[in-house]
Amino acid sequence: MNRKAAPEGSGSMTTRSRLERGRGALGPALELVHTGRAPTRAVLTAELGVTRATAGAVAAELAALGLIRVDPRPAAEGSQGRPSHRLEIAEDGPVAFAAQVHADGFRAALVGLGGRIVATAPGCETVAEDPASVLGSVVEAGRRLLLETGRRCVGAGLAVPSAVAEPEGTVLNPLHVAWPVGAPVRAIFARRVREAGLTGPAFTANDVNLAALAEYRHGAGRGARDLLCVATGHRGVGGALVLDGRLHSGSSGLALEVGHLTVNPEGRPCHCGSRGCLDVETDPLAFLTAAHRTPGPEVSLLEQSRALITGAYDDPRVRGATEALIDRLGLGLAGLVNILNPDRIILGGLHRDLLEADPERLRSVVAARSLWGVSGSVPVLGSSLDHNSLVGAAELAWQPVLDDPLSAVPTA
């Protein structure tokens, strides 16, 4: 596609031929609307580098597939030229089934284009040792959501608290769930999806990788080029890097295991065999321990930690625990900044709460301990999406649709 397409009035471009020319632009056009970068047909025309008529034909085809809605809007008062049609995600369009497994249970959801969560179903509070049993319950929750909403399903995505080896799709270090090392989780999930009769392909990936992808496309990472994401949810610490729009997962899916950076050499023993890693020095259990609180069974460690930061920050022990974890986290981030030179850092889970509690302290630690932080400050932001790992899991299922909408969208 380029701007040298035949003029609309030349007679050489019928509506049918415009659509044929535009079919190759369907995927790029859908991605522009999906990520919010083409709110109007005029912007879509400019971004694709096509004629207005071709952009109109592309938008009409995506609307016919039930993916977007083309809304004619009058020009703003006092404006000149033709009004531009507004492009919106179809509210009743197809969805992806997304699920996340973590130390305190699982959650299932249906996620539409644009990263919008349509429906959710909380799952169990404990994760059994048999991944096949857990994933059977996960998929059953998704199946019920689809029946209740009557939505078409484009595919399924699963976020897990472990590195996922490529291309096998096995979990290598499910440290905070009792699954066996090397369990073929991707194959099990795909089989459960097929057995439940859900349409579309099934995917599995690390939860923080997926959170980073979601934030990059729909959240606090939009507009970044090299995005570093570090987060702690229920247990442990994970990291992810998005480079030029793509997750950097390394040669076999195991890159950015940032939880095993040492930030306190005399600290707690870590599951990896070392001591004082981010994984055990800056997660919710580390916070509760530093605040001299005994974890309770009623709610998750993350919720208990957040409640202390928001409700008891004046307690010297809580403030001291917050400052200690900020200093450890800042030290780890500084090392990552020196190595990776990102243009933005996104913090999720309890790390976002630490940032909000004392943003200047964290940013000053990163700047003081990193070469690039001193020479040019790296923006450190909190994640902006609720359930970003779920949204990221859905992105896996949406990707084939973004690549080829005509082939991947299920018929009504």
Protein backbone atom coordinates (compact mmCIF):
# COMPACT_ATOMS: atom_id res chain seq x y z
CA MET A 1 0.00 0.00 0.00
CA ASN A 2 1.22 3.51 -0.76
CA ARG A 3 -0.08 6.94 -1.52
CA LYS A 4 0.29 6.44 -5.29
CA ALA A 5 -2.95 4.49 -5.57
CA ALA A 6 -5.19 5.50 -8.45
CA PRO A 7 -7.27 8.63 -7.77
CA GLU A 8 -10.78 7.89 -6.54
CA GLY A 9 -12.37 9.68 -9.45
CA SER A 10 -10.31 7.97 -12.16
CA GLY A 11 -12.77 5.17 -12.77
CA SER A 12 -10.02 2.57 -12.40
CA MET A 13 -10.92 1.81 -8.81
CA THR A 14 -14.38 0.30 -8.27
CA THR A 15 -15.58 -0.48 -4.76
CA ARG A 16 -14.68 -4.13 -5.36
CA SER A 17 -11.17 -3.37 -6.59
CA ARG A 18 -10.57 -1.00 -3.67
CA LEU A 19 -11.46 -3.80 -1.28
CA GLU A 20 -9.18 -6.24 -3.10
CA ARG A 21 -6.33 -3.76 -2.82
CA GLY A 22 -7.13 -3.23 0.83
CA ARG A 23 -7.33 -6.87 1.93
CA GLY A 24 -3.62 -6.88 2.73
CA ALA A 25 -4.24 -3.88 4.97
CA LEU A 26 -7.00 -5.52 7.03
CA GLY A 27 -4.63 -6.84 9.69
CA PRO A 28 -2.60 -3.63 10.06
CA ALA A 29 -5.83 -1.62 10.13
CA LEU A 30 -7.33 -3.81 12.82
CA GLU A 31 -4.19 -3.55 14.93
CA LEU A 32 -4.30 0.25 14.66
CA VAL A 33 -7.88 0.31 15.94
CA HIS A 34 -7.16 -2.40 18.52
CA THR A 35 -4.32 -0.39 20.06
CA GLY A 36 -6.15 2.93 19.89
CA ARG A 37 -3.84 4.46 17.29
CA ALA A 38 -6.56 4.96 14.67
CA PRO A 39 -9.63 6.45 16.33
CA THR A 40 -10.97 7.82 13.02
CA ARG A 41 -10.98 6.84 9.39
CA ALA A 42 -8.85 9.88 8.56
CA VAL A 43 -6.12 8.70 10.93
CA LEU A 44 -6.43 5.18 9.53
CA THR A 45 -5.98 6.53 6.01
CA ALA A 46 -2.82 8.39 7.00
CA GLU A 47 -1.35 5.51 9.02
CA LEU A 48 -1.90 2.95 6.26
CA GLY A 49 -0.78 5.29 3.48
CA VAL A 50 -3.80 4.53 1.29
CA THR A 51 -6.55 6.55 -0.33
CA ARG A 52 -9.60 7.57 1.65
CA ALA A 53 -11.74 5.23 -0.42
CA THR A 54 -9.49 2.24 0.24
CA ALA A 55 -9.43 2.99 3.96
CA GLY A 56 -13.21 3.16 3.87
CA ALA A 57 -13.43 -0.22 2.17
CA VAL A 58 -11.05 -1.74 4.73
CA ALA A 59 -13.04 -0.30 7.63
CA ALA A 60 -16.28 -1.55 6.11
CA GLU A 61 -14.87 -5.08 5.75
CA LEU A 62 -13.72 -5.12 9.39
CA ALA A 63 -17.18 -3.93 10.40
CA ALA A 64 -18.78 -6.70 8.31
CA LEU A 65 -16.66 -9.22 10.23
CA GLY A 66 -18.17 -7.86 13.45
CA LEU A 67 -14.83 -6.56 14.73
CA ILE A 68 -15.26 -2.79 14.64
CA ARG A 69 -18.03 -0.24 14.26
CA VAL A 70 -17.85 2.69 11.84
CA ASP A 71 -19.66 5.66 13.36
CA PRO A 72 -20.25 8.68 11.10
CA ARG A 73 -19.62 11.78 13.16
CA PRO A 74 -20.27 15.37 12.13
CA ALA A 75 -17.27 17.66 11.95
CA ALA A 76 -16.66 19.68 15.07
CA GLU A 77 -18.22 23.12 15.01
CA GLY A 78 -16.11 25.51 13.00
CA SER A 79 -14.02 22.77 11.34
CA GLN A 80 -13.49 22.51 7.61
CA GLY A 81 -13.56 19.63 5.17
CA ARG A 82 -15.33 16.30 5.30
CA PRO A 83 -16.18 14.88 8.70
CA SER A 84 -14.15 11.81 9.59
CA HIS A 85 -15.89 8.61 10.59
CA ARG A 86 -15.12 7.36 14.06
CA LEU A 87 -13.74 3.81 14.37
CA GLU A 88 -14.69 1.88 17.50
CA ILE A 89 -14.39 -1.67 18.75
CA ALA A 90 -17.66 -3.55 18.24
CA GLU A 91 -19.12 -3.95 21.71
CA ASP A 92 -20.82 -7.23 20.84
CA GLY A 93 -17.92 -8.62 18.80
CA PRO A 94 -15.97 -11.84 19.35
CA VAL A 95 -13.79 -12.38 22.40
CA ALA A 96 -10.71 -14.27 23.46
CA PHE A 97 -10.79 -16.61 26.43
CA ALA A 98 -8.00 -15.69 28.84
CA ALA A 99 -6.89 -17.28 32.10
CA GLN A 100 -4.21 -16.73 34.71
CA VAL A 101 -2.91 -19.23 37.24
CA HIS A 102 -1.06 -17.90 40.28
CA ALA A 103 -0.07 -18.95 43.78
CA ASP A 104 -3.49 -18.12 45.24
CA GLY A 105 -5.69 -19.68 42.56
CA PHE A 106 -6.78 -18.80 39.06
CA ARG A 107 -9.04 -16.38 37.22
CA ALA A 108 -10.80 -16.75 33.88
CA ALA A 109 -12.04 -13.94 31.64
CA LEU A 110 -13.37 -13.03 28.24
CA VAL A 111 -11.45 -10.18 26.62
CA GLY A 112 -12.51 -8.26 23.55
CA LEU A 113 -10.50 -6.20 21.12
CA GLY A 114 -8.93 -3.14 22.64
CA GLY A 115 -7.97 -5.10 25.75
CA ARG A 116 -11.45 -4.69 27.25
CA ILE A 117 -12.42 -7.34 29.79
CA VAL A 118 -15.99 -8.37 29.01
CA ALA A 119 -16.61 -10.92 31.78
CA THR A 120 -14.62 -12.58 34.57
CA ALA A 121 -15.00 -15.64 36.74
CA PRO A 122 -12.86 -16.06 39.88
CA GLY A 123 -11.58 -19.58 40.24
CA CYS A 124 -10.28 -21.75 43.04
CA GLU A 125 -8.26 -20.40 45.94
CA THR A 126 -5.67 -23.17 45.89
CA VAL A 127 -3.88 -24.72 42.93
CA ALA A 128 -3.72 -28.50 42.86
CA GLU A 129 -0.49 -30.35 42.12
CA ASP A 130 -1.89 -31.83 38.90
CA PRO A 131 -1.82 -29.18 36.13
CA ALA A 132 -4.30 -31.18 34.03
CA SER A 133 -6.87 -30.98 36.81
CA VAL A 134 -6.33 -27.26 37.36
CA LEU A 135 -6.46 -26.42 33.66
CA GLY A 136 -9.59 -28.51 33.25
CA SER A 137 -11.27 -26.28 35.84
CA VAL A 138 -9.83 -23.17 34.19
CA VAL A 139 -11.23 -24.08 30.78
CA GLU A 140 -14.58 -25.08 32.25
CA ALA A 141 -14.86 -21.61 33.80
CA GLY A 142 -14.17 -20.10 30.38
CA ARG A 143 -16.71 -22.38 28.70
CA ARG A 144 -19.41 -21.25 31.14
CA LEU A 145 -18.58 -17.59 30.50
CA LEU A 146 -18.94 -18.11 26.77
CA LEU A 147 -22.28 -19.85 27.23
CA GLU A 148 -23.54 -17.10 29.52
CA THR A 149 -22.53 -14.29 27.18
CA GLY A 150 -23.19 -16.00 23.86
CA ARG A 151 -19.97 -14.58 22.41
CA ARG A 152 -17.89 -16.01 19.56
CA CYS A 153 -14.44 -17.17 20.68
CA VAL A 154 -11.31 -16.49 18.60
CA GLY A 155 -8.96 -18.54 20.76
CA ALA A 156 -7.54 -19.00 24.25
CA GLY A 157 -4.50 -17.71 26.16
CA LEU A 158 -3.06 -18.81 29.50
CA ALA A 159 -0.68 -16.90 31.79
CA VAL A 160 1.40 -18.98 34.20
CA PRO A 161 3.83 -18.01 37.02
CA SER A 162 6.81 -19.70 35.44
CA ALA A 163 9.24 -19.40 32.59
CA VAL A 164 7.84 -21.29 29.59
CA ALA A 165 10.43 -23.05 27.47
CA GLU A 166 10.18 -22.71 23.70
CA PRO A 167 9.23 -24.42 21.52
CA GLU A 168 8.05 -27.19 23.86
CA GLY A 169 5.73 -25.06 25.97
CA THR A 170 6.87 -26.64 29.25
CA VAL A 171 7.08 -24.83 32.58
CA LEU A 172 10.62 -24.80 33.92
CA ASN A 173 10.34 -23.24 37.35
CA PRO A 174 6.80 -23.19 38.75
CA LEU A 175 8.23 -22.11 42.10
CA HIS A 176 5.04 -20.87 43.68
CA VAL A 177 2.63 -23.54 42.47
CA ALA A 178 3.12 -27.22 43.15
CA TRP A 179 3.36 -28.30 39.53
CA PRO A 180 6.20 -30.58 38.45
CA VAL A 181 9.14 -28.99 36.68
CA GLY A 182 8.88 -29.60 32.95
CA ALA A 183 5.11 -30.11 32.92
CA PRO A 184 3.82 -29.74 29.30
CA VAL A 185 1.36 -27.03 30.28
CA ARG A 186 0.83 -25.64 26.79
CA ALA A 187 -0.12 -29.05 25.40
CA ILE A 188 -2.39 -29.78 28.35
CA PHE A 189 -4.14 -26.41 28.03
CA ALA A 190 -4.63 -26.84 24.28
CA ARG A 191 -6.07 -30.32 24.80
CA ARG A 192 -8.50 -29.08 27.45
CA VAL A 193 -9.59 -26.25 25.16
CA ARG A 194 -10.31 -28.70 22.32
CA GLU A 195 -12.16 -31.10 24.62
CA ALA A 196 -14.38 -28.25 25.84
CA GLY A 197 -15.31 -27.38 22.26
CA LEU A 198 -13.84 -23.88 22.34
CA THR A 199 -12.94 -22.52 18.92
CA GLY A 200 -9.57 -21.11 17.92
CA PRO A 201 -5.96 -21.89 18.84
CA ALA A 202 -4.62 -22.04 22.42
CA PHE A 203 -1.45 -20.38 23.73
CA THR A 204 0.53 -20.30 26.99
CA ALA A 205 3.23 -17.91 28.23
CA ASN A 206 4.79 -16.40 31.34
CA ASP A 207 2.50 -14.05 33.27
CA VAL A 208 4.85 -11.05 33.49
CA ASN A 209 5.73 -11.32 29.80
CA LEU A 210 2.03 -11.09 29.05
CA ALA A 211 1.53 -8.21 31.47
CA ALA A 212 4.27 -6.30 29.65
CA LEU A 213 2.66 -6.98 26.27
CA ALA A 214 -0.70 -5.75 27.55
CA GLU A 215 0.78 -2.58 29.04
CA TYR A 216 2.70 -1.92 25.83
CA ARG A 217 -0.40 -2.18 23.65
CA HIS A 218 -3.09 -0.78 25.91
CA GLY A 219 -1.64 0.67 29.10
CA ALA A 220 1.17 2.68 30.62
CA GLY A 221 3.68 1.39 28.07
CA ARG A 222 1.95 2.81 24.98
CA GLY A 223 4.35 4.90 22.97
CA ALA A 224 7.49 3.32 24.40
CA ARG A 225 9.99 1.62 22.13
CA ASP A 226 12.05 -0.39 24.63
CA LEU A 227 9.84 -1.19 27.61
CA LEU A 228 11.00 -2.92 30.79
CA CYS A 229 8.34 -4.37 33.07
CA VAL A 230 9.05 -5.66 36.59
CA ALA A 231 6.29 -6.94 38.84
CA THR A 232 5.49 -8.96 41.92
CA GLY A 233 2.01 -10.33 42.36
CA HIS A 234 1.19 -13.03 44.85
CA ARG A 235 4.69 -14.50 45.24
CA GLY A 236 8.06 -13.91 43.60
CA VAL A 237 9.24 -11.31 41.09
CA GLY A 238 9.18 -11.41 37.30
CA GLY A 239 10.42 -9.21 34.49
CA ALA A 240 9.84 -8.72 30.79
CA LEU A 241 11.23 -6.62 27.96
CA VAL A 242 9.42 -5.37 24.87
CA LEU A 243 11.73 -4.28 22.04
CA ASP A 244 10.24 -2.45 19.07
CA GLY A 245 6.82 -3.92 19.75
CA ARG A 246 7.90 -7.52 20.32
CA LEU A 247 8.49 -9.44 23.50
CA HIS A 248 12.13 -10.34 23.94
CA SER A 249 12.00 -13.89 25.25
CA GLY A 250 15.52 -15.04 24.39
CA SER A 251 16.61 -18.07 22.40
CA SER A 252 14.28 -20.47 24.21
CA GLY A 253 11.75 -18.31 26.03
CA LEU A 254 13.76 -17.89 29.23
CA ALA A 255 15.04 -14.30 29.05
CA LEU A 256 14.55 -11.67 31.76
CA GLU A 257 14.47 -13.85 34.86
CA VAL A 258 15.05 -10.66 36.82
CA GLY A 259 13.78 -12.18 40.05
CA HIS A 260 17.18 -13.77 40.50
CA LEU A 261 19.23 -10.59 40.55
CA THR A 262 21.00 -10.35 43.91
CA VAL A 263 20.11 -7.15 45.77
CA ASN A 264 21.00 -8.20 49.32
CA PRO A 265 24.00 -10.57 49.45
CA GLU A 266 23.32 -11.49 53.09
CA GLY A 267 19.59 -11.81 52.53
CA ARG A 268 17.13 -14.67 52.46
CA PRO A 269 17.89 -17.96 50.71
CA CYS A 270 16.28 -18.06 47.28
CA HIS A 271 14.70 -21.00 45.49
CA CYS A 272 17.36 -20.70 42.81
CA GLY A 273 20.17 -21.54 45.25
CA SER A 274 21.46 -18.01 45.74
CA ARG A 275 20.67 -15.50 48.49
CA GLY A 276 19.06 -12.09 48.59
CA CYS A 277 17.45 -12.19 45.14
CA LEU A 278 14.71 -9.76 44.14
CA ASP A 279 12.39 -12.77 44.14
CA VAL A 280 12.61 -13.16 47.93
CA GLU A 281 13.58 -9.62 48.94
CA THR A 282 10.86 -7.53 47.24
CA ASP A 283 7.73 -9.69 47.04
CA PRO A 284 4.67 -9.51 49.36
CA LEU A 285 6.01 -12.12 51.78
CA ALA A 286 9.26 -10.14 52.12
CA PHE A 287 7.24 -6.99 52.80
CA LEU A 288 5.09 -8.60 55.50
CA THR A 289 8.19 -10.08 57.12
CA ALA A 290 10.00 -6.72 57.11
CA ALA A 291 6.89 -5.07 58.61
CA HIS A 292 6.84 -7.67 61.40
CA ARG A 293 3.45 -8.97 60.33
CA THR A 294 2.46 -12.62 60.36
CA PRO A 295 0.67 -13.50 57.09
CA GLY A 296 -2.94 -14.54 57.58
CA PRO A 297 -4.93 -17.10 55.59
CA GLU A 298 -7.97 -14.90 54.91
CA VAL A 299 -6.73 -12.99 51.86
CA SER A 300 -3.72 -13.14 49.56
CA LEU A 301 -0.29 -11.91 50.61
CA LEU A 302 -0.58 -9.18 47.98
CA GLU A 303 -3.84 -7.87 49.42
CA GLN A 304 -2.43 -7.96 52.97
CA SER A 305 0.63 -5.99 51.87
CA ARG A 306 -1.43 -3.41 50.02
CA ALA A 307 -3.71 -2.95 52.99
CA LEU A 308 -0.71 -2.13 55.19
CA ILE A 309 0.74 0.39 52.76
CA THR A 310 -2.55 2.20 52.25
CA GLY A 311 -3.97 1.88 55.76
CA ALA A 312 -1.04 1.76 58.16
CA TYR A 313 1.75 3.72 56.50
CA ASP A 314 2.20 5.87 59.60
CA ASP A 315 3.30 2.78 61.52
CA PRO A 316 7.12 3.06 61.69
CA ARG A 317 7.53 -0.64 60.95
CA VAL A 318 5.35 -0.43 57.86
CA ARG A 319 7.13 2.69 56.63
CA GLY A 320 10.49 1.09 57.32
CA ALA A 321 9.49 -2.06 55.42
CA THR A 322 8.32 0.09 52.49
CA GLU A 323 11.59 2.02 52.39
CA ALA A 324 13.68 -1.15 52.66
CA LEU A 325 11.87 -2.82 49.75
CA ILE A 326 12.06 0.38 47.68
CA ASP A 327 15.83 0.50 48.17
CA ARG A 328 16.24 -3.15 47.17
CA LEU A 329 13.95 -2.79 44.19
CA GLY A 330 15.73 0.40 43.09
CA LEU A 331 19.08 -1.37 43.23
CA GLY A 332 17.78 -4.15 40.99
CA LEU A 333 16.19 -1.71 38.55
CA ALA A 334 19.44 0.27 38.35
CA GLY A 335 21.33 -2.84 37.28
CA LEU A 336 18.72 -3.57 34.63
CA VAL A 337 18.87 0.01 33.36
CA ASN A 338 22.65 -0.29 32.96
CA ILE A 339 22.28 -3.48 30.94
CA LEU A 340 19.13 -2.83 28.92
CA ASN A 341 18.86 0.98 28.58
CA PRO A 342 15.04 0.99 28.35
CA ASP A 343 13.15 4.17 27.57
CA ARG A 344 10.44 3.34 30.12
CA ILE A 345 9.98 1.12 33.17
CA ILE A 346 6.58 -0.19 34.24
CA LEU A 347 6.07 -1.62 37.72
CA GLY A 348 3.22 -3.96 38.57
CA GLY A 349 1.67 -5.62 41.60
CA LEU A 350 3.18 -4.65 44.95
CA HIS A 351 5.99 -2.82 43.15
CA ARG A 352 3.44 -0.35 41.82
CA ASP A 353 2.25 0.25 45.39
CA LEU A 354 5.82 0.84 46.54
CA LEU A 355 6.27 3.40 43.76
CA GLU A 356 3.06 5.18 44.70
CA ALA A 357 4.02 5.22 48.38
CA ASP A 358 7.31 7.08 47.77
CA PRO A 359 7.95 7.76 44.08
CA GLU A 360 10.86 10.13 44.63
CA ARG A 361 12.76 7.67 46.79
CA LEU A 362 12.54 4.90 44.19
CA ARG A 363 13.45 7.15 41.27
CA SER A 364 16.39 8.64 43.16
CA VAL A 365 17.77 5.18 43.98
CA VAL A 366 17.53 4.15 40.31
CA ALA A 367 19.19 7.38 39.17
CA ALA A 368 21.96 7.24 41.76
CA ARG A 369 22.85 3.62 41.07
CA SER A 370 22.69 3.55 37.26
CA LEU A 371 24.83 5.24 34.66
CA TRP A 372 21.94 5.91 32.29
CA GLY A 373 19.70 6.93 35.16
CA VAL A 374 22.14 9.68 36.05
CA SER A 375 22.78 10.85 32.51
CA GLY A 376 19.16 10.81 31.45
CA SER A 377 16.38 9.79 33.82
CA VAL A 378 14.32 6.76 32.82
CA PRO A 379 10.57 7.24 33.44
CA VAL A 380 9.34 4.80 36.09
CA LEU A 381 5.57 4.34 35.98
CA GLY A 382 3.01 2.12 37.62
CA SER A 383 1.03 -0.31 35.50
CA SER A 384 -2.33 1.11 34.45
CA LEU A 385 -4.32 -2.01 33.56
CA ASP A 386 -6.28 -4.13 35.97
CA HIS A 387 -5.53 -7.83 35.42
CA ASN A 388 -2.87 -7.04 32.81
CA SER A 389 -1.67 -10.65 32.66
CA LEU A 390 -5.20 -11.68 31.65
CA VAL A 391 -5.28 -8.98 28.99
CA GLY A 392 -1.87 -10.14 27.78
CA ALA A 393 -3.03 -13.76 27.62
CA ALA A 394 -5.88 -12.59 25.42
CA GLU A 395 -3.38 -10.78 23.19
CA LEU A 396 -1.87 -14.18 22.35
CA ALA A 397 -5.25 -15.38 21.13
CA TRP A 398 -5.98 -12.15 19.27
CA GLN A 399 -2.67 -12.16 17.39
CA PRO A 400 -3.79 -14.57 14.61
CA VAL A 401 -6.81 -12.33 14.06
CA LEU A 402 -4.59 -9.26 13.85
CA ASP A 403 -2.40 -11.13 11.36
CA ASP A 404 -5.25 -12.29 9.11
CA PRO A 405 -8.77 -11.22 10.13
CA LEU A 406 -10.52 -12.91 7.20
CA SER A 407 -9.10 -16.35 8.03
CA ALA A 408 -9.08 -16.20 11.81
CA VAL A 409 -12.46 -14.71 12.74
CA PRO A 410 -15.07 -17.40 13.47
CA THR A 411 -18.37 -17.12 11.63
CA ALA A 412 -21.43 -16.12 13.59
